[in-house]
PDB file of N, CA and C in Angstrom:
ATOM      1  N   UNK A   1     247.720   1.751 139.293  1.00  0.00           N
ATOM      2  CA  UNK A   1     248.397   1.136 140.428  1.00  0.00           C
ATOM      3  C   UNK A   1     248.060   1.927 141.695  1.00  0.00           C
ATOM      4  N   UNK A   2     247.633   1.237 142.735  1.00  0.00           N
ATOM      5  CA  UNK A   2     247.278   1.911 143.975  1.00  0.00           C
ATOM      6  C   UNK A   2     248.537   2.217 144.785  1.00  0.00           C
ATOM      7  N   UNK A   3     248.505   3.351 145.479  1.00  0.00           N
ATOM      8  CA  UNK A   3     249.675   3.718 146.266  1.00  0.00           C
ATOM      9  C   UNK A   3     249.628   3.069 147.637  1.00  0.00           C
ATOM     10  N   UNK A   4     250.709   3.200 148.396  1.00  0.00           N
ATOM     11  CA  UNK A   4     250.789   2.525 149.687  1.00  0.00           C
ATOM     12  C   UNK A   4     249.787   3.081 150.697  1.00  0.00           C
ATOM     13  N   UNK A   5     249.455   4.386 150.618  1.00  0.00           N
ATOM     14  CA  UNK A   5     248.444   4.936 151.516  1.00  0.00           C
ATOM     15  C   UNK A   5     247.102   4.258 151.258  1.00  0.00           C
ATOM     16  N   UNK A   6     246.753   4.095 149.997  1.00  0.00           N
ATOM     17  CA  UNK A   6     245.502   3.421 149.654  1.00  0.00           C
ATOM     18  C   UNK A   6     245.490   2.009 150.235  1.00  0.00           C
ATOM     19  N   UNK A   7     246.591   1.281 150.102  1.00  0.00           N
ATOM     20  CA  UNK A   7     246.679  -0.085 150.629  1.00  0.00           C
ATOM     21  C   UNK A   7     246.468  -0.098 152.136  1.00  0.00           C
ATOM     22  N   UNK A   8     247.014   0.891 152.829  1.00  0.00           N
ATOM     23  CA  UNK A   8     246.830   0.982 154.279  1.00  0.00           C
ATOM     24  C   UNK A   8     245.366   1.254 154.620  1.00  0.00           C
ATOM     25  N   UNK A   9     244.738   2.122 153.848  1.00  0.00           N
ATOM     26  CA  UNK A   9     243.314   2.413 154.048  1.00  0.00           C
ATOM     27  C   UNK A   9     242.507   1.126 153.895  1.00  0.00           C
ATOM     28  N   UNK A  10     242.764   0.373 152.842  1.00  0.00           N
ATOM     29  CA  UNK A  10     242.011  -0.855 152.589  1.00  0.00           C
ATOM     30  C   UNK A  10     242.192  -1.854 153.728  1.00  0.00           C
ATOM     31  N   UNK A  11     243.414  -1.947 154.230  1.00  0.00           N
ATOM     32  CA  UNK A  11     243.698  -2.871 155.333  1.00  0.00           C
ATOM     33  C   UNK A  11     242.894  -2.488 156.577  1.00  0.00           C
ATOM     34  N   UNK A  12     242.837  -1.198 156.887  1.00  0.00           N
ATOM     35  CA  UNK A  12     242.081  -0.723 158.051  1.00  0.00           C
ATOM     36  C   UNK A  12     240.584  -0.956 157.852  1.00  0.00           C
ATOM     37  N   UNK A  13     240.066  -0.629 156.691  1.00  0.00           N
ATOM     38  CA  UNK A  13     238.631  -0.765 156.430  1.00  0.00           C
ATOM     39  C   UNK A  13     238.191  -2.221 156.573  1.00  0.00           C
ATOM     40  N   UNK A  14     239.049  -3.150 156.219  1.00  0.00           N
ATOM     41  CA  UNK A  14     238.718  -4.569 156.365  1.00  0.00           C
ATOM     42  C   UNK A  14     238.532  -4.963 157.828  1.00  0.00           C
ATOM     43  N   UNK A  15     239.036  -4.165 158.771  1.00  0.00           N
ATOM     44  CA  UNK A  15     238.908  -4.508 160.194  1.00  0.00           C
ATOM     45  C   UNK A  15     237.598  -4.011 160.812  1.00  0.00           C
ATOM     46  N   UNK A  16     236.861  -3.175 160.109  1.00  0.00           N
ATOM     47  CA  UNK A  16     235.592  -2.654 160.644  1.00  0.00           C
ATOM     48  C   UNK A  16     234.577  -3.796 160.613  1.00  0.00           C
ATOM     49  N   UNK A  17     234.061  -4.185 161.776  1.00  0.00           N
ATOM     50  CA  UNK A  17     233.141  -5.331 161.805  1.00  0.00           C
ATOM     51  C   UNK A  17     231.772  -5.018 161.206  1.00  0.00           C
ATOM     52  N   UNK A  18     231.081  -6.057 160.790  1.00  0.00           N
ATOM     53  CA  UNK A  18     229.710  -5.919 160.311  1.00  0.00           C
ATOM     54  C   UNK A  18     228.884  -5.265 161.409  1.00  0.00           C
ATOM     55  N   UNK A  19     227.981  -4.374 160.994  1.00  0.00           N
ATOM     56  CA  UNK A  19     227.122  -3.694 161.955  1.00  0.00           C
ATOM     57  C   UNK A  19     227.744  -2.467 162.573  1.00  0.00           C
ATOM     58  N   UNK A  20     228.959  -2.120 162.139  1.00  0.00           N
ATOM     59  CA  UNK A  20     229.664  -0.943 162.658  1.00  0.00           C
ATOM     60  C   UNK A  20     230.119  -0.078 161.490  1.00  0.00           C
ATOM     61  N   UNK A  21     230.398   1.189 161.799  1.00  0.00           N
ATOM     62  CA  UNK A  21     230.937   2.128 160.817  1.00  0.00           C
ATOM     63  C   UNK A  21     232.107   2.880 161.435  1.00  0.00           C
ATOM     64  N   UNK A  22     232.860   3.523 160.594  1.00  0.00           N
ATOM     65  CA  UNK A  22     233.975   4.361 161.019  1.00  0.00           C
ATOM     66  C   UNK A  22     233.990   5.581 160.102  1.00  0.00           C
ATOM     67  N   UNK A  23     234.555   6.670 160.575  1.00  0.00           N
ATOM     68  CA  UNK A  23     234.588   7.881 159.744  1.00  0.00           C
ATOM     69  C   UNK A  23     235.889   7.966 158.943  1.00  0.00           C
ATOM     70  N   UNK A  24     235.826   8.733 157.879  1.00  0.00           N
ATOM     71  CA  UNK A  24     237.010   8.982 157.054  1.00  0.00           C
ATOM     72  C   UNK A  24     238.130   9.572 157.914  1.00  0.00           C
ATOM     73  N   UNK A  25     237.766  10.541 158.752  1.00  0.00           N
ATOM     74  CA  UNK A  25     238.752  11.205 159.602  1.00  0.00           C
ATOM     75  C   UNK A  25     239.379  10.283 160.621  1.00  0.00           C
ATOM     76  N   UNK A  26     238.575   9.387 161.189  1.00  0.00           N
ATOM     77  CA  UNK A  26     239.087   8.421 162.170  1.00  0.00           C
ATOM     78  C   UNK A  26     240.122   7.513 161.516  1.00  0.00           C
ATOM     79  N   UNK A  27     239.857   7.087 160.304  1.00  0.00           N
ATOM     80  CA  UNK A  27     240.808   6.242 159.579  1.00  0.00           C
ATOM     81  C   UNK A  27     242.088   7.017 159.297  1.00  0.00           C
ATOM     82  N   UNK A  28     241.955   8.253 158.843  1.00  0.00           N
ATOM     83  CA  UNK A  28     243.137   9.079 158.570  1.00  0.00           C
ATOM     84  C   UNK A  28     243.976   9.260 159.836  1.00  0.00           C
ATOM     85  N   UNK A  29     243.330   9.564 160.960  1.00  0.00           N
ATOM     86  CA  UNK A  29     244.052   9.724 162.232  1.00  0.00           C
ATOM     87  C   UNK A  29     244.749   8.432 162.624  1.00  0.00           C
ATOM     88  N   UNK A  30     244.054   7.319 162.491  1.00  0.00           N
ATOM     89  CA  UNK A  30     244.612   6.022 162.844  1.00  0.00           C
ATOM     90  C   UNK A  30     245.873   5.735 162.032  1.00  0.00           C
ATOM     91  N   UNK A  31     245.885   6.184 160.787  1.00  0.00           N
ATOM     92  CA  UNK A  31     247.041   5.969 159.909  1.00  0.00           C
ATOM     93  C   UNK A  31     248.138   7.014 160.114  1.00  0.00           C
ATOM     94  N   UNK A  32     247.957   7.901 161.082  1.00  0.00           N
ATOM     95  CA  UNK A  32     248.967   8.919 161.361  1.00  0.00           C
ATOM     96  C   UNK A  32     248.950  10.079 160.391  1.00  0.00           C
ATOM     97  N   UNK A  33     247.837  10.249 159.698  1.00  0.00           N
ATOM     98  CA  UNK A  33     247.709  11.305 158.697  1.00  0.00           C
ATOM     99  C   UNK A  33     246.387  12.037 158.909  1.00  0.00           C
ATOM    100  N   UNK A  34     246.236  12.748 160.046  1.00  0.00           N
ATOM    101  CA  UNK A  34     244.940  13.325 160.412  1.00  0.00           C
ATOM    102  C   UNK A  34     244.359  14.326 159.425  1.00  0.00           C
ATOM    103  N   UNK A  35     245.161  14.866 158.545  1.00  0.00           N
ATOM    104  CA  UNK A  35     244.646  15.832 157.569  1.00  0.00           C
ATOM    105  C   UNK A  35     244.267  15.179 156.234  1.00  0.00           C
ATOM    106  N   UNK A  36     244.306  13.858 156.173  1.00  0.00           N
ATOM    107  CA  UNK A  36     244.106  13.180 154.890  1.00  0.00           C
ATOM    108  C   UNK A  36     242.779  12.430 154.784  1.00  0.00           C
ATOM    109  N   UNK A  37     241.742  12.941 155.440  1.00  0.00           N
ATOM    110  CA  UNK A  37     240.445  12.250 155.356  1.00  0.00           C
ATOM    111  C   UNK A  37     239.895  12.241 153.924  1.00  0.00           C
ATOM    112  N   UNK A  38     240.159  13.284 153.161  1.00  0.00           N
ATOM    113  CA  UNK A  38     239.699  13.296 151.758  1.00  0.00           C
ATOM    114  C   UNK A  38     240.405  12.225 150.930  1.00  0.00           C
ATOM    115  N   UNK A  39     241.678  11.996 151.234  1.00  0.00           N
ATOM    116  CA  UNK A  39     242.411  10.946 150.524  1.00  0.00           C
ATOM    117  C   UNK A  39     241.878   9.565 150.897  1.00  0.00           C
ATOM    118  N   UNK A  40     241.423   9.412 152.148  1.00  0.00           N
ATOM    119  CA  UNK A  40     240.766   8.161 152.537  1.00  0.00           C
ATOM    120  C   UNK A  40     239.532   7.963 151.654  1.00  0.00           C
ATOM    121  N   UNK A  41     238.751   9.014 151.500  1.00  0.00           N
ATOM    122  CA  UNK A  41     237.577   8.948 150.636  1.00  0.00           C
ATOM    123  C   UNK A  41     237.935   8.611 149.207  1.00  0.00           C
ATOM    124  N   UNK A  42     238.990   9.205 148.711  1.00  0.00           N
ATOM    125  CA  UNK A  42     239.412   8.940 147.331  1.00  0.00           C
ATOM    126  C   UNK A  42     239.849   7.484 147.185  1.00  0.00           C
ATOM    127  N   UNK A  43     240.580   6.975 148.173  1.00  0.00           N
ATOM    128  CA  UNK A  43     241.001   5.572 148.136  1.00  0.00           C
ATOM    129  C   UNK A  43     239.779   4.664 148.059  1.00  0.00           C
ATOM    130  N   UNK A  44     238.761   4.963 148.863  1.00  0.00           N
ATOM    131  CA  UNK A  44     237.560   4.127 148.872  1.00  0.00           C
ATOM    132  C   UNK A  44     236.767   4.264 147.582  1.00  0.00           C
ATOM    133  N   UNK A  45     236.804   5.444 146.991  1.00  0.00           N
ATOM    134  CA  UNK A  45     236.146   5.646 145.700  1.00  0.00           C
ATOM    135  C   UNK A  45     236.805   4.776 144.623  1.00  0.00           C
ATOM    136  N   UNK A  46     238.097   4.536 144.787  1.00  0.00           N
ATOM    137  CA  UNK A  46     238.864   3.723 143.833  1.00  0.00           C
ATOM    138  C   UNK A  46     238.981   2.264 144.271  1.00  0.00           C
ATOM    139  N   UNK A  47     238.220   1.875 145.272  1.00  0.00           N
ATOM    140  CA  UNK A  47     238.262   0.532 145.851  1.00  0.00           C
ATOM    141  C   UNK A  47     238.261  -0.543 144.755  1.00  0.00           C
ATOM    142  N   UNK A  48     239.344  -1.338 144.681  1.00  0.00           N
ATOM    143  CA  UNK A  48     239.415  -2.354 143.629  1.00  0.00           C
ATOM    144  C   UNK A  48     238.623  -3.625 143.929  1.00  0.00           C
ATOM    145  N   UNK A  49     238.142  -3.764 145.174  1.00  0.00           N
ATOM    146  CA  UNK A  49     237.426  -4.986 145.576  1.00  0.00           C
ATOM    147  C   UNK A  49     236.210  -4.590 146.415  1.00  0.00           C
ATOM    148  N   UNK A  50     235.191  -4.091 145.752  1.00  0.00           N
ATOM    149  CA  UNK A  50     234.046  -3.458 146.418  1.00  0.00           C
ATOM    150  C   UNK A  50     233.400  -4.259 147.533  1.00  0.00           C
ATOM    151  N   UNK A  51     233.281  -5.539 147.418  1.00  0.00           N
ATOM    152  CA  UNK A  51     232.588  -6.291 148.468  1.00  0.00           C
ATOM    153  C   UNK A  51     233.547  -7.061 149.367  1.00  0.00           C
ATOM    154  N   UNK A  52     234.817  -7.016 149.059  1.00  0.00           N
ATOM    155  CA  UNK A  52     235.845  -7.596 149.930  1.00  0.00           C
ATOM    156  C   UNK A  52     236.363  -6.524 150.871  1.00  0.00           C
ATOM    157  N   UNK A  53     236.551  -5.327 150.347  1.00  0.00           N
ATOM    158  CA  UNK A  53     236.926  -4.164 151.160  1.00  0.00           C
ATOM    159  C   UNK A  53     235.612  -3.417 151.412  1.00  0.00           C
ATOM    160  N   UNK A  54     235.057  -3.508 152.619  1.00  0.00           N
ATOM    161  CA  UNK A  54     233.704  -2.997 152.879  1.00  0.00           C
ATOM    162  C   UNK A  54     233.636  -1.478 153.041  1.00  0.00           C
ATOM    163  N   UNK A  55     233.853  -0.774 151.941  1.00  0.00           N
ATOM    164  CA  UNK A  55     233.884   0.682 151.985  1.00  0.00           C
ATOM    165  C   UNK A  55     232.541   1.289 152.387  1.00  0.00           C
ATOM    166  N   UNK A  56     231.473   0.522 152.290  1.00  0.00           N
ATOM    167  CA  UNK A  56     230.158   1.037 152.708  1.00  0.00           C
ATOM    168  C   UNK A  56     230.121   1.292 154.208  1.00  0.00           C
ATOM    169  N   UNK A  57     231.082   0.768 154.959  1.00  0.00           N
ATOM    170  CA  UNK A  57     231.124   0.964 156.414  1.00  0.00           C
ATOM    171  C   UNK A  57     231.838   2.251 156.821  1.00  0.00           C
ATOM    172  N   UNK A  58     232.205   3.079 155.847  1.00  0.00           N
ATOM    173  CA  UNK A  58     232.876   4.347 156.147  1.00  0.00           C
ATOM    174  C   UNK A  58     231.914   5.484 155.839  1.00  0.00           C
ATOM    175  N   UNK A  59     231.721   6.357 156.835  1.00  0.00           N
ATOM    176  CA  UNK A  59     230.762   7.462 156.749  1.00  0.00           C
ATOM    177  C   UNK A  59     231.422   8.746 157.228  1.00  0.00           C
ATOM    178  N   UNK A  60     230.701   9.847 157.092  1.00  0.00           N
ATOM    179  CA  UNK A  60     231.191  11.113 157.624  1.00  0.00           C
ATOM    180  C   UNK A  60     231.141  11.080 159.154  1.00  0.00           C
ATOM    181  N   UNK A  61     231.937  11.907 159.803  1.00  0.00           N
ATOM    182  CA  UNK A  61     232.023  11.934 161.265  1.00  0.00           C
ATOM    183  C   UNK A  61     230.683  12.222 161.928  1.00  0.00           C
ATOM    184  N   UNK A  62     229.815  12.937 161.237  1.00  0.00           N
ATOM    185  CA  UNK A  62     228.496  13.258 161.807  1.00  0.00           C
ATOM    186  C   UNK A  62     227.466  12.150 161.572  1.00  0.00           C
ATOM    187  N   UNK A  63     227.901  11.047 160.947  1.00  0.00           N
ATOM    188  CA  UNK A  63     227.014   9.920 160.715  1.00  0.00           C
ATOM    189  C   UNK A  63     226.320   9.915 159.364  1.00  0.00           C
ATOM    190  N   UNK A  64     226.517  10.964 158.587  1.00  0.00           N
ATOM    191  CA  UNK A  64     225.882  11.021 157.261  1.00  0.00           C
ATOM    192  C   UNK A  64     226.617  10.101 156.285  1.00  0.00           C
ATOM    193  N   UNK A  65     225.874   9.656 155.296  1.00  0.00           N
ATOM    194  CA  UNK A  65     226.427   8.807 154.251  1.00  0.00           C
ATOM    195  C   UNK A  65     226.977   9.657 153.123  1.00  0.00           C
ATOM    196  N   UNK A  66     227.842   9.057 152.339  1.00  0.00           N
ATOM    197  CA  UNK A  66     228.418   9.769 151.203  1.00  0.00           C
ATOM    198  C   UNK A  66     227.413   9.828 150.057  1.00  0.00           C
ATOM    199  N   UNK A  67     227.090  11.030 149.575  1.00  0.00           N
ATOM    200  CA  UNK A  67     226.186  11.118 148.423  1.00  0.00           C
ATOM    201  C   UNK A  67     226.843  10.582 147.149  1.00  0.00           C
ATOM    202  N   UNK A  68     228.157  10.406 147.192  1.00  0.00           N
ATOM    203  CA  UNK A  68     228.885   9.932 146.015  1.00  0.00           C
ATOM    204  C   UNK A  68     229.383   8.500 146.205  1.00  0.00           C
ATOM    205  N   UNK A  69     228.667   7.678 146.990  1.00  0.00           N
ATOM    206  CA  UNK A  69     229.073   6.292 147.192  1.00  0.00           C
ATOM    207  C   UNK A  69     229.249   5.636 145.831  1.00  0.00           C
ATOM    208  N   UNK A  70     230.452   5.149 145.568  1.00  0.00           N
ATOM    209  CA  UNK A  70     230.845   4.709 144.230  1.00  0.00           C
ATOM    210  C   UNK A  70     230.165   3.432 143.749  1.00  0.00           C
ATOM    211  N   UNK A  71     229.535   2.690 144.641  1.00  0.00           N
ATOM    212  CA  UNK A  71     229.019   1.385 144.257  1.00  0.00           C
ATOM    213  C   UNK A  71     227.500   1.317 144.373  1.00  0.00           C
ATOM    214  N   UNK A  72     226.827   2.300 143.767  1.00  0.00           N
ATOM    215  CA  UNK A  72     225.379   2.279 143.728  1.00  0.00           C
ATOM    216  C   UNK A  72     224.710   3.475 144.368  1.00  0.00           C
ATOM    217  N   UNK A  73     225.484   4.408 144.885  1.00  0.00           N
ATOM    218  CA  UNK A  73     224.922   5.621 145.462  1.00  0.00           C
ATOM    219  C   UNK A  73     224.571   5.487 146.933  1.00  0.00           C
ATOM    220  N   UNK A  74     224.140   6.613 147.498  1.00  0.00           N
ATOM    221  CA  UNK A  74     223.836   6.729 148.919  1.00  0.00           C
ATOM    222  C   UNK A  74     222.781   5.722 149.379  1.00  0.00           C
ATOM    223  N   UNK A  75     221.754   5.491 148.567  1.00  0.00           N
ATOM    224  CA  UNK A  75     220.706   4.537 148.947  1.00  0.00           C
ATOM    225  C   UNK A  75     221.251   3.122 149.068  1.00  0.00           C
ATOM    226  N   UNK A  76     222.174   2.763 148.186  1.00  0.00           N
ATOM    227  CA  UNK A  76     222.782   1.435 148.245  1.00  0.00           C
ATOM    228  C   UNK A  76     223.659   1.309 149.488  1.00  0.00           C
ATOM    229  N   UNK A  77     224.384   2.358 149.835  1.00  0.00           N
ATOM    230  CA  UNK A  77     225.205   2.327 151.042  1.00  0.00           C
ATOM    231  C   UNK A  77     224.315   2.104 152.266  1.00  0.00           C
ATOM    232  N   UNK A  78     223.227   2.830 152.340  1.00  0.00           N
ATOM    233  CA  UNK A  78     222.315   2.672 153.474  1.00  0.00           C
ATOM    234  C   UNK A  78     221.723   1.258 153.503  1.00  0.00           C
ATOM    235  N   UNK A  79     221.336   0.742 152.349  1.00  0.00           N
ATOM    236  CA  UNK A  79     220.771  -0.607 152.284  1.00  0.00           C
ATOM    237  C   UNK A  79     221.763  -1.642 152.815  1.00  0.00           C
ATOM    238  N   UNK A  80     223.013  -1.521 152.381  1.00  0.00           N
ATOM    239  CA  UNK A  80     224.047  -2.463 152.829  1.00  0.00           C
ATOM    240  C   UNK A  80     224.258  -2.365 154.343  1.00  0.00           C
ATOM    241  N   UNK A  81     224.280  -1.142 154.855  1.00  0.00           N
ATOM    242  CA  UNK A  81     224.475  -0.958 156.294  1.00  0.00           C
ATOM    243  C   UNK A  81     223.290  -1.494 157.092  1.00  0.00           C
ATOM    244  N   UNK A  82     222.089  -1.196 156.655  1.00  0.00           N
ATOM    245  CA  UNK A  82     220.900  -1.688 157.358  1.00  0.00           C
ATOM    246  C   UNK A  82     220.848  -3.214 157.333  1.00  0.00           C
ATOM    247  N   UNK A  83     221.279  -3.797 156.234  1.00  0.00           N
ATOM    248  CA  UNK A  83     221.319  -5.254 156.106  1.00  0.00           C
ATOM    249  C   UNK A  83     222.257  -5.861 157.157  1.00  0.00           C
ATOM    250  N   UNK A  84     223.279  -5.107 157.542  1.00  0.00           N
ATOM    251  CA  UNK A  84     224.241  -5.572 158.545  1.00  0.00           C
ATOM    252  C   UNK A  84     223.807  -5.227 159.969  1.00  0.00           C
ATOM    253  N   UNK A  85     222.681  -4.513 160.111  1.00  0.00           N
ATOM    254  CA  UNK A  85     222.186  -4.179 161.435  1.00  0.00           C
ATOM    255  C   UNK A  85     222.550  -2.796 161.940  1.00  0.00           C
ATOM    256  N   UNK A  86     223.106  -1.952 161.080  1.00  0.00           N
ATOM    257  CA  UNK A  86     223.426  -0.582 161.476  1.00  0.00           C
ATOM    258  C   UNK A  86     222.119   0.182 161.693  1.00  0.00           C
ATOM    259  N   UNK A  87     222.060   0.927 162.783  1.00  0.00           N
ATOM    260  CA  UNK A  87     220.868   1.687 163.165  1.00  0.00           C
ATOM    261  C   UNK A  87     220.997   3.118 162.660  1.00  0.00           C
ATOM    262  N   UNK A  88     219.902   3.651 162.141  1.00  0.00           N
ATOM    263  CA  UNK A  88     219.868   5.031 161.662  1.00  0.00           C
ATOM    264  C   UNK A  88     218.908   5.847 162.504  1.00  0.00           C
ATOM    265  N   UNK A  89     219.277   7.090 162.726  1.00  0.00           N
ATOM    266  CA  UNK A  89     218.391   8.105 163.297  1.00  0.00           C
ATOM    267  C   UNK A  89     218.155   9.107 162.181  1.00  0.00           C
ATOM    268  N   UNK A  90     217.063   8.952 161.483  1.00  0.00           N
ATOM    269  CA  UNK A  90     216.817   9.800 160.323  1.00  0.00           C
ATOM    270  C   UNK A  90     217.808   9.467 159.224  1.00  0.00           C
ATOM    271  N   UNK A  91     218.579  10.464 158.842  1.00  0.00           N
ATOM    272  CA  UNK A  91     219.557  10.287 157.764  1.00  0.00           C
ATOM    273  C   UNK A  91     220.957   9.967 158.268  1.00  0.00           C
ATOM    274  N   UNK A  92     221.116   9.842 159.567  1.00  0.00           N
ATOM    275  CA  UNK A  92     222.451   9.626 160.140  1.00  0.00           C
ATOM    276  C   UNK A  92     222.547   8.279 160.836  1.00  0.00           C
ATOM    277  N   UNK A  93     223.753   7.711 160.796  1.00  0.00           N
ATOM    278  CA  UNK A  93     224.029   6.483 161.532  1.00  0.00           C
ATOM    279  C   UNK A  93     224.033   6.808 163.016  1.00  0.00           C
ATOM    280  N   UNK A  94     223.390   5.962 163.813  1.00  0.00           N
ATOM    281  CA  UNK A  94     223.367   6.140 165.262  1.00  0.00           C
ATOM    282  C   UNK A  94     224.783   6.030 165.824  1.00  0.00           C
ATOM    283  N   UNK A  95     225.087   6.893 166.788  1.00  0.00           N
ATOM    284  CA  UNK A  95     226.436   6.931 167.367  1.00  0.00           C
ATOM    285  C   UNK A  95     226.856   5.588 167.964  1.00  0.00           C
ATOM    286  N   UNK A  96     225.887   4.783 168.389  1.00  0.00           N
ATOM    287  CA  UNK A  96     226.211   3.478 168.983  1.00  0.00           C
ATOM    288  C   UNK A  96     226.824   2.518 167.958  1.00  0.00           C
ATOM    289  N   UNK A  97     226.712   2.847 166.684  1.00  0.00           N
ATOM    290  CA  UNK A  97     227.223   1.964 165.628  1.00  0.00           C
ATOM    291  C   UNK A  97     228.627   2.351 165.165  1.00  0.00           C
ATOM    292  N   UNK A  98     229.209   3.382 165.761  1.00  0.00           N
ATOM    293  CA  UNK A  98     230.564   3.775 165.376  1.00  0.00           C
ATOM    294  C   UNK A  98     231.584   2.858 166.023  1.00  0.00           C
ATOM    295  N   UNK A  99     232.555   2.452 165.246  1.00  0.00           N
ATOM    296  CA  UNK A  99     233.620   1.559 165.698  1.00  0.00           C
ATOM    297  C   UNK A  99     234.862   2.382 165.988  1.00  0.00           C
ATOM    298  N   UNK A 100     235.453   2.164 167.125  1.00  0.00           N
ATOM    299  CA  UNK A 100     236.667   2.883 167.517  1.00  0.00           C
ATOM    300  C   UNK A 100     237.875   2.041 167.103  1.00  0.00           C
ATOM    301  N   UNK A 101     238.684   2.584 166.227  1.00  0.00           N
ATOM    302  CA  UNK A 101     239.905   1.901 165.829  1.00  0.00           C
ATOM    303  C   UNK A 101     240.899   1.925 166.985  1.00  0.00           C
ATOM    304  N   UNK A 102     241.569   0.836 167.208  1.00  0.00           N
ATOM    305  CA  UNK A 102     242.524   0.763 168.329  1.00  0.00           C
ATOM    306  C   UNK A 102     243.933   0.745 167.795  1.00  0.00           C
TER     307      UNK A 102
END
């Protein structure tokens, strides 16, 4: 059974538009829990609806992808993001692709 924090994470992640990304820390701050970025990651690792809740749109604050992406690994995360039009500079997502939660 998922906890209420996880449900809040999933709700926020669903708002990230195609072609954009957000960081684990940004989501934690938005939820009023700035020290819980790891729990955001854990929630996404346990994502019960992989393609409905677009967890591939969540990256590290520096633009790097998660090496432990639960749904096919880092290469799959990058493929999904590139398919949506996310721009990469080397191994990092371009800063222009970051979405600011309001």
